């Protein structure tokens, strides 16, 4: 898909240098992938905080029963 975007040139230049990609397209695509991965990780952390762990649960006993 072709898109015409008004991207901050200084940000793009810095990402281009840091990322070591050969083209601006590769740089932007990698940045988008990292952004998506970061957001998904944040969502998983939110879910993890909702889990109530039982302090009495003995995970070692489950391993011994195998």
PDB file of N, CA and C in Angstrom:
ATOM      1  N   UNK A   1       0.844  -1.166   0.000  1.00  0.00           N
ATOM      2  CA  UNK A   1       0.000   0.000   0.000  1.00  0.00           C
ATOM      3  C   UNK A   1       0.894   1.237   0.000  1.00  0.00           C
ATOM      4  N   UNK A   2       0.570   2.157  -0.822  1.00  0.00           N
ATOM      5  CA  UNK A   2       1.304   3.409  -0.880  1.00  0.00           C
ATOM      6  C   UNK A   2       0.576   4.444  -0.052  1.00  0.00           C
ATOM      7  N   UNK A   3       1.362   5.176   0.760  1.00  0.00           N
ATOM      8  CA  UNK A   3       0.771   6.217   1.597  1.00  0.00           C
ATOM      9  C   UNK A   3       1.691   7.428   1.589  1.00  0.00           C
ATOM     10  N   UNK A   4       1.097   8.569   1.628  1.00  0.00           N
ATOM     11  CA  UNK A   4       1.855   9.803   1.677  1.00  0.00           C
ATOM     12  C   UNK A   4       1.756  10.336   3.104  1.00  0.00           C
ATOM     13  N   UNK A   5       2.862  10.251   3.852  1.00  0.00           N
ATOM     14  CA  UNK A   5       2.853  10.624   5.254  1.00  0.00           C
ATOM     15  C   UNK A   5       3.783  11.805   5.496  1.00  0.00           C
ATOM     16  N   UNK A   6       3.394  12.640   6.432  1.00  0.00           N
ATOM     17  CA  UNK A   6       4.235  13.759   6.848  1.00  0.00           C
ATOM     18  C   UNK A   6       4.962  13.335   8.123  1.00  0.00           C
ATOM     19  N   UNK A   7       6.122  12.675   7.954  1.00  0.00           N
ATOM     20  CA  UNK A   7       6.883  12.123   9.073  1.00  0.00           C
ATOM     21  C   UNK A   7       7.949  13.129   9.484  1.00  0.00           C
ATOM     22  N   UNK A   8       8.121  13.288  10.796  1.00  0.00           N
ATOM     23  CA  UNK A   8       9.160  14.162  11.343  1.00  0.00           C
ATOM     24  C   UNK A   8      10.518  13.671  10.817  1.00  0.00           C
ATOM     25  N   UNK A   9      11.173  14.487  10.027  1.00  0.00           N
ATOM     26  CA  UNK A   9      12.402  14.075   9.359  1.00  0.00           C
ATOM     27  C   UNK A   9      13.525  13.768  10.344  1.00  0.00           C
ATOM     28  N   UNK A  10      13.608  14.521  11.435  1.00  0.00           N
ATOM     29  CA  UNK A  10      14.680  14.262  12.404  1.00  0.00           C
ATOM     30  C   UNK A  10      14.473  12.908  13.093  1.00  0.00           C
ATOM     31  N   UNK A  11      13.228  12.565  13.391  1.00  0.00           N
ATOM     32  CA  UNK A  11      12.947  11.255  13.975  1.00  0.00           C
ATOM     33  C   UNK A  11      13.271  10.130  12.995  1.00  0.00           C
ATOM     34  N   UNK A  12      12.895  10.330  11.760  1.00  0.00           N
ATOM     35  CA  UNK A  12      13.167   9.320  10.741  1.00  0.00           C
ATOM     36  C   UNK A  12      14.671   9.147  10.536  1.00  0.00           C
ATOM     37  N   UNK A  13      15.401  10.252  10.506  1.00  0.00           N
ATOM     38  CA  UNK A  13      16.856  10.169  10.338  1.00  0.00           C
ATOM     39  C   UNK A  13      17.513   9.432  11.499  1.00  0.00           C
ATOM     40  N   UNK A  14      17.063   9.722  12.725  1.00  0.00           N
ATOM     41  CA  UNK A  14      17.634   9.049  13.886  1.00  0.00           C
ATOM     42  C   UNK A  14      17.312   7.558  13.869  1.00  0.00           C
ATOM     43  N   UNK A  15      16.071   7.225  13.539  1.00  0.00           N
ATOM     44  CA  UNK A  15      15.682   5.814  13.454  1.00  0.00           C
ATOM     45  C   UNK A  15      16.461   5.109  12.350  1.00  0.00           C
ATOM     46  N   UNK A  16      16.701   5.802  11.270  1.00  0.00           N
ATOM     47  CA  UNK A  16      17.455   5.250  10.141  1.00  0.00           C
ATOM     48  C   UNK A  16      18.886   4.922  10.573  1.00  0.00           C
ATOM     49  N   UNK A  17      19.508   5.828  11.338  1.00  0.00           N
ATOM     50  CA  UNK A  17      20.879   5.608  11.815  1.00  0.00           C
ATOM     51  C   UNK A  17      20.938   4.483  12.838  1.00  0.00           C
ATOM     52  N   UNK A  18      20.032   4.509  13.804  1.00  0.00           N
ATOM     53  CA  UNK A  18      20.048   3.528  14.880  1.00  0.00           C
ATOM     54  C   UNK A  18      19.700   2.132  14.374  1.00  0.00           C
ATOM     55  N   UNK A  19      18.707   2.051  13.504  1.00  0.00           N
ATOM     56  CA  UNK A  19      18.230   0.765  13.026  1.00  0.00           C
ATOM     57  C   UNK A  19      19.156   0.079  12.045  1.00  0.00           C
ATOM     58  N   UNK A  20      19.961   0.861  11.350  1.00  0.00           N
ATOM     59  CA  UNK A  20      20.890   0.273  10.398  1.00  0.00           C
ATOM     60  C   UNK A  20      20.232  -0.327   9.168  1.00  0.00           C
ATOM     61  N   UNK A  21      19.019   0.049   8.891  1.00  0.00           N
ATOM     62  CA  UNK A  21      18.341  -0.467   7.697  1.00  0.00           C
ATOM     63  C   UNK A  21      18.828   0.278   6.464  1.00  0.00           C
ATOM     64  N   UNK A  22      18.636  -0.345   5.309  1.00  0.00           N
ATOM     65  CA  UNK A  22      19.124   0.256   4.069  1.00  0.00           C
ATOM     66  C   UNK A  22      18.181   1.295   3.488  1.00  0.00           C
ATOM     67  N   UNK A  23      16.894   1.165   3.786  1.00  0.00           N
ATOM     68  CA  UNK A  23      15.932   2.092   3.198  1.00  0.00           C
ATOM     69  C   UNK A  23      15.015   2.675   4.272  1.00  0.00           C
ATOM     70  N   UNK A  24      14.377   3.777   3.919  1.00  0.00           N
ATOM     71  CA  UNK A  24      13.413   4.387   4.827  1.00  0.00           C
ATOM     72  C   UNK A  24      12.218   3.459   5.023  1.00  0.00           C
ATOM     73  N   UNK A  25      11.829   2.766   3.968  1.00  0.00           N
ATOM     74  CA  UNK A  25      10.706   1.836   4.052  1.00  0.00           C
ATOM     75  C   UNK A  25      10.986   0.746   5.076  1.00  0.00           C
ATOM     76  N   UNK A  26      12.181   0.153   5.037  1.00  0.00           N
ATOM     77  CA  UNK A  26      12.552  -0.875   5.999  1.00  0.00           C
ATOM     78  C   UNK A  26      12.550  -0.309   7.422  1.00  0.00           C
ATOM     79  N   UNK A  27      13.041   0.914   7.558  1.00  0.00           N
ATOM     80  CA  UNK A  27      13.098   1.567   8.861  1.00  0.00           C
ATOM     81  C   UNK A  27      11.699   1.770   9.431  1.00  0.00           C
ATOM     82  N   UNK A  28      10.795   2.290   8.627  1.00  0.00           N
ATOM     83  CA  UNK A  28       9.428   2.543   9.086  1.00  0.00           C
ATOM     84  C   UNK A  28       8.711   1.238   9.385  1.00  0.00           C
ATOM     85  N   UNK A  29       8.887   0.221   8.547  1.00  0.00           N
ATOM     86  CA  UNK A  29       8.232  -1.062   8.783  1.00  0.00           C
ATOM     87  C   UNK A  29       8.722  -1.706  10.076  1.00  0.00           C
ATOM     88  N   UNK A  30      10.022  -1.641  10.324  1.00  0.00           N
ATOM     89  CA  UNK A  30      10.555  -2.208  11.564  1.00  0.00           C
ATOM     90  C   UNK A  30      10.033  -1.424  12.772  1.00  0.00           C
ATOM     91  N   UNK A  31       9.977  -0.110  12.659  1.00  0.00           N
ATOM     92  CA  UNK A  31       9.462   0.714  13.757  1.00  0.00           C
ATOM     93  C   UNK A  31       8.009   0.366  14.055  1.00  0.00           C
ATOM     94  N   UNK A  32       7.219   0.149  13.030  1.00  0.00           N
ATOM     95  CA  UNK A  32       5.818  -0.233  13.228  1.00  0.00           C
ATOM     96  C   UNK A  32       5.705  -1.603  13.889  1.00  0.00           C
ATOM     97  N   UNK A  33       6.547  -2.545  13.479  1.00  0.00           N
ATOM     98  CA  UNK A  33       6.532  -3.875  14.090  1.00  0.00           C
ATOM     99  C   UNK A  33       6.888  -3.787  15.572  1.00  0.00           C
ATOM    100  N   UNK A  34       7.907  -2.997  15.896  1.00  0.00           N
ATOM    101  CA  UNK A  34       8.311  -2.843  17.295  1.00  0.00           C
ATOM    102  C   UNK A  34       7.217  -2.152  18.104  1.00  0.00           C
ATOM    103  N   UNK A  35       6.560  -1.180  17.522  1.00  0.00           N
ATOM    104  CA  UNK A  35       5.468  -0.471  18.193  1.00  0.00           C
ATOM    105  C   UNK A  35       4.336  -1.439  18.525  1.00  0.00           C
ATOM    106  N   UNK A  36       3.965  -2.263  17.557  1.00  0.00           N
ATOM    107  CA  UNK A  36       2.886  -3.232  17.748  1.00  0.00           C
ATOM    108  C   UNK A  36       3.270  -4.247  18.823  1.00  0.00           C
ATOM    109  N   UNK A  37       4.500  -4.749  18.762  1.00  0.00           N
ATOM    110  CA  UNK A  37       4.967  -5.715  19.750  1.00  0.00           C
ATOM    111  C   UNK A  37       4.947  -5.107  21.149  1.00  0.00           C
ATOM    112  N   UNK A  38       5.383  -3.872  21.281  1.00  0.00           N
ATOM    113  CA  UNK A  38       5.405  -3.186  22.572  1.00  0.00           C
ATOM    114  C   UNK A  38       3.993  -3.029  23.134  1.00  0.00           C
ATOM    115  N   UNK A  39       3.054  -2.639  22.290  1.00  0.00           N
ATOM    116  CA  UNK A  39       1.665  -2.466  22.739  1.00  0.00           C
ATOM    117  C   UNK A  39       1.047  -3.795  23.171  1.00  0.00           C
ATOM    118  N   UNK A  40       1.355  -4.862  22.447  1.00  0.00           N
ATOM    119  CA  UNK A  40       0.828  -6.176  22.814  1.00  0.00           C
ATOM    120  C   UNK A  40       1.404  -6.620  24.155  1.00  0.00           C
ATOM    121  N   UNK A  41       2.678  -6.344  24.391  1.00  0.00           N
ATOM    122  CA  UNK A  41       3.286  -6.691  25.668  1.00  0.00           C
ATOM    123  C   UNK A  41       2.641  -5.920  26.809  1.00  0.00           C
ATOM    124  N   UNK A  42       2.341  -4.652  26.581  1.00  0.00           N
ATOM    125  CA  UNK A  42       1.674  -3.857  27.612  1.00  0.00           C
ATOM    126  C   UNK A  42       0.297  -4.426  27.933  1.00  0.00           C
ATOM    127  N   UNK A  43      -0.418  -4.877  26.908  1.00  0.00           N
ATOM    128  CA  UNK A  43      -1.738  -5.475  27.119  1.00  0.00           C
ATOM    129  C   UNK A  43      -1.627  -6.765  27.937  1.00  0.00           C
ATOM    130  N   UNK A  44      -0.588  -7.558  27.658  1.00  0.00           N
ATOM    131  CA  UNK A  44      -0.399  -8.796  28.417  1.00  0.00           C
ATOM    132  C   UNK A  44      -0.066  -8.497  29.872  1.00  0.00           C
ATOM    133  N   UNK A  45       0.714  -7.466  30.116  1.00  0.00           N
ATOM    134  CA  UNK A  45       1.034  -7.088  31.487  1.00  0.00           C
ATOM    135  C   UNK A  45      -0.212  -6.646  32.245  1.00  0.00           C
ATOM    136  N   UNK A  46      -1.095  -5.946  31.561  1.00  0.00           N
ATOM    137  CA  UNK A  46      -2.361  -5.550  32.191  1.00  0.00           C
ATOM    138  C   UNK A  46      -3.159  -6.783  32.602  1.00  0.00           C
ATOM    139  N   UNK A  47      -3.202  -7.786  31.723  1.00  0.00           N
ATOM    140  CA  UNK A  47      -3.926  -9.017  32.046  1.00  0.00           C
ATOM    141  C   UNK A  47      -3.269  -9.753  33.205  1.00  0.00           C
ATOM    142  N   UNK A  48      -1.955  -9.788  33.211  1.00  0.00           N
ATOM    143  CA  UNK A  48      -1.230 -10.477  34.266  1.00  0.00           C
ATOM    144  C   UNK A  48      -1.528  -9.869  35.628  1.00  0.00           C
ATOM    145  N   UNK A  49      -1.680  -8.573  35.690  1.00  0.00           N
ATOM    146  CA  UNK A  49      -1.973  -7.897  36.954  1.00  0.00           C
ATOM    147  C   UNK A  49      -3.371  -8.227  37.476  1.00  0.00           C
ATOM    148  N   UNK A  50      -4.218  -8.757  36.610  1.00  0.00           N
ATOM    149  CA  UNK A  50      -5.580  -9.089  37.020  1.00  0.00           C
ATOM    150  C   UNK A  50      -5.688 -10.483  37.629  1.00  0.00           C
ATOM    151  N   UNK A  51      -4.636 -11.262  37.543  1.00  0.00           N
ATOM    152  CA  UNK A  51      -4.657 -12.636  38.049  1.00  0.00           C
ATOM    153  C   UNK A  51      -4.371 -12.620  39.547  1.00  0.00           C
ATOM    154  N   UNK A  52      -5.224 -13.300  40.292  1.00  0.00           N
ATOM    155  CA  UNK A  52      -5.005 -13.451  41.729  1.00  0.00           C
ATOM    156  C   UNK A  52      -4.263 -14.751  41.973  1.00  0.00           C
ATOM    157  N   UNK A  53      -3.065 -14.650  42.483  1.00  0.00           N
ATOM    158  CA  UNK A  53      -2.267 -15.833  42.769  1.00  0.00           C
ATOM    159  C   UNK A  53      -2.542 -16.297  44.199  1.00  0.00           C
ATOM    160  N   UNK A  54      -2.641 -17.596  44.361  1.00  0.00           N
ATOM    161  CA  UNK A  54      -2.866 -18.177  45.678  1.00  0.00           C
ATOM    162  C   UNK A  54      -1.515 -18.396  46.347  1.00  0.00           C
ATOM    163  N   UNK A  55      -1.230 -17.699  47.427  1.00  0.00           N
ATOM    164  CA  UNK A  55       0.075 -17.840  48.079  1.00  0.00           C
ATOM    165  C   UNK A  55       0.281 -19.232  48.680  1.00  0.00           C
ATOM    166  N   UNK A  56      -0.799 -19.988  48.884  1.00  0.00           N
ATOM    167  CA  UNK A  56      -0.699 -21.331  49.467  1.00  0.00           C
ATOM    168  C   UNK A  56      -0.433 -22.408  48.414  1.00  0.00           C
ATOM    169  N   UNK A  57      -0.556 -22.054  47.152  1.00  0.00           N
ATOM    170  CA  UNK A  57      -0.367 -23.029  46.071  1.00  0.00           C
ATOM    171  C   UNK A  57       1.083 -23.480  46.033  1.00  0.00           C
ATOM    172  N   UNK A  58       1.278 -24.799  46.009  1.00  0.00           N
ATOM    173  CA  UNK A  58       2.618 -25.363  46.005  1.00  0.00           C
ATOM    174  C   UNK A  58       2.896 -25.975  44.629  1.00  0.00           C
ATOM    175  N   UNK A  59       3.541 -25.200  43.784  1.00  0.00           N
ATOM    176  CA  UNK A  59       3.810 -25.685  42.421  1.00  0.00           C
ATOM    177  C   UNK A  59       4.816 -26.831  42.413  1.00  0.00           C
ATOM    178  N   UNK A  60       5.639 -26.912  43.442  1.00  0.00           N
ATOM    179  CA  UNK A  60       6.635 -27.998  43.489  1.00  0.00           C
ATOM    180  C   UNK A  60       5.961 -29.354  43.693  1.00  0.00           C
ATOM    181  N   UNK A  61       4.872 -29.357  44.439  1.00  0.00           N
ATOM    182  CA  UNK A  61       4.177 -30.640  44.670  1.00  0.00           C
ATOM    183  C   UNK A  61       3.565 -31.148  43.373  1.00  0.00           C
ATOM    184  N   UNK A  62       3.137 -30.269  42.513  1.00  0.00           N
ATOM    185  CA  UNK A  62       2.580 -30.679  41.221  1.00  0.00           C
ATOM    186  C   UNK A  62       3.664 -31.323  40.370  1.00  0.00           C
ATOM    187  N   UNK A  63       4.866 -30.773  40.418  1.00  0.00           N
ATOM    188  CA  UNK A  63       5.980 -31.340  39.651  1.00  0.00           C
ATOM    189  C   UNK A  63       6.358 -32.730  40.153  1.00  0.00           C
ATOM    190  N   UNK A  64       6.288 -32.927  41.460  1.00  0.00           N
ATOM    191  CA  UNK A  64       6.674 -34.207  42.042  1.00  0.00           C
ATOM    192  C   UNK A  64       5.694 -35.307  41.682  1.00  0.00           C
ATOM    193  N   UNK A  65       4.447 -34.967  41.407  1.00  0.00           N
ATOM    194  CA  UNK A  65       3.420 -35.957  41.110  1.00  0.00           C
ATOM    195  C   UNK A  65       3.484 -36.478  39.682  1.00  0.00           C
ATOM    196  N   UNK A  66       4.347 -35.963  38.886  1.00  0.00           N
ATOM    197  CA  UNK A  66       4.420 -36.400  37.483  1.00  0.00           C
ATOM    198  C   UNK A  66       5.110 -37.689  37.316  1.00  0.00           C
TER     199      UNK A  66
END
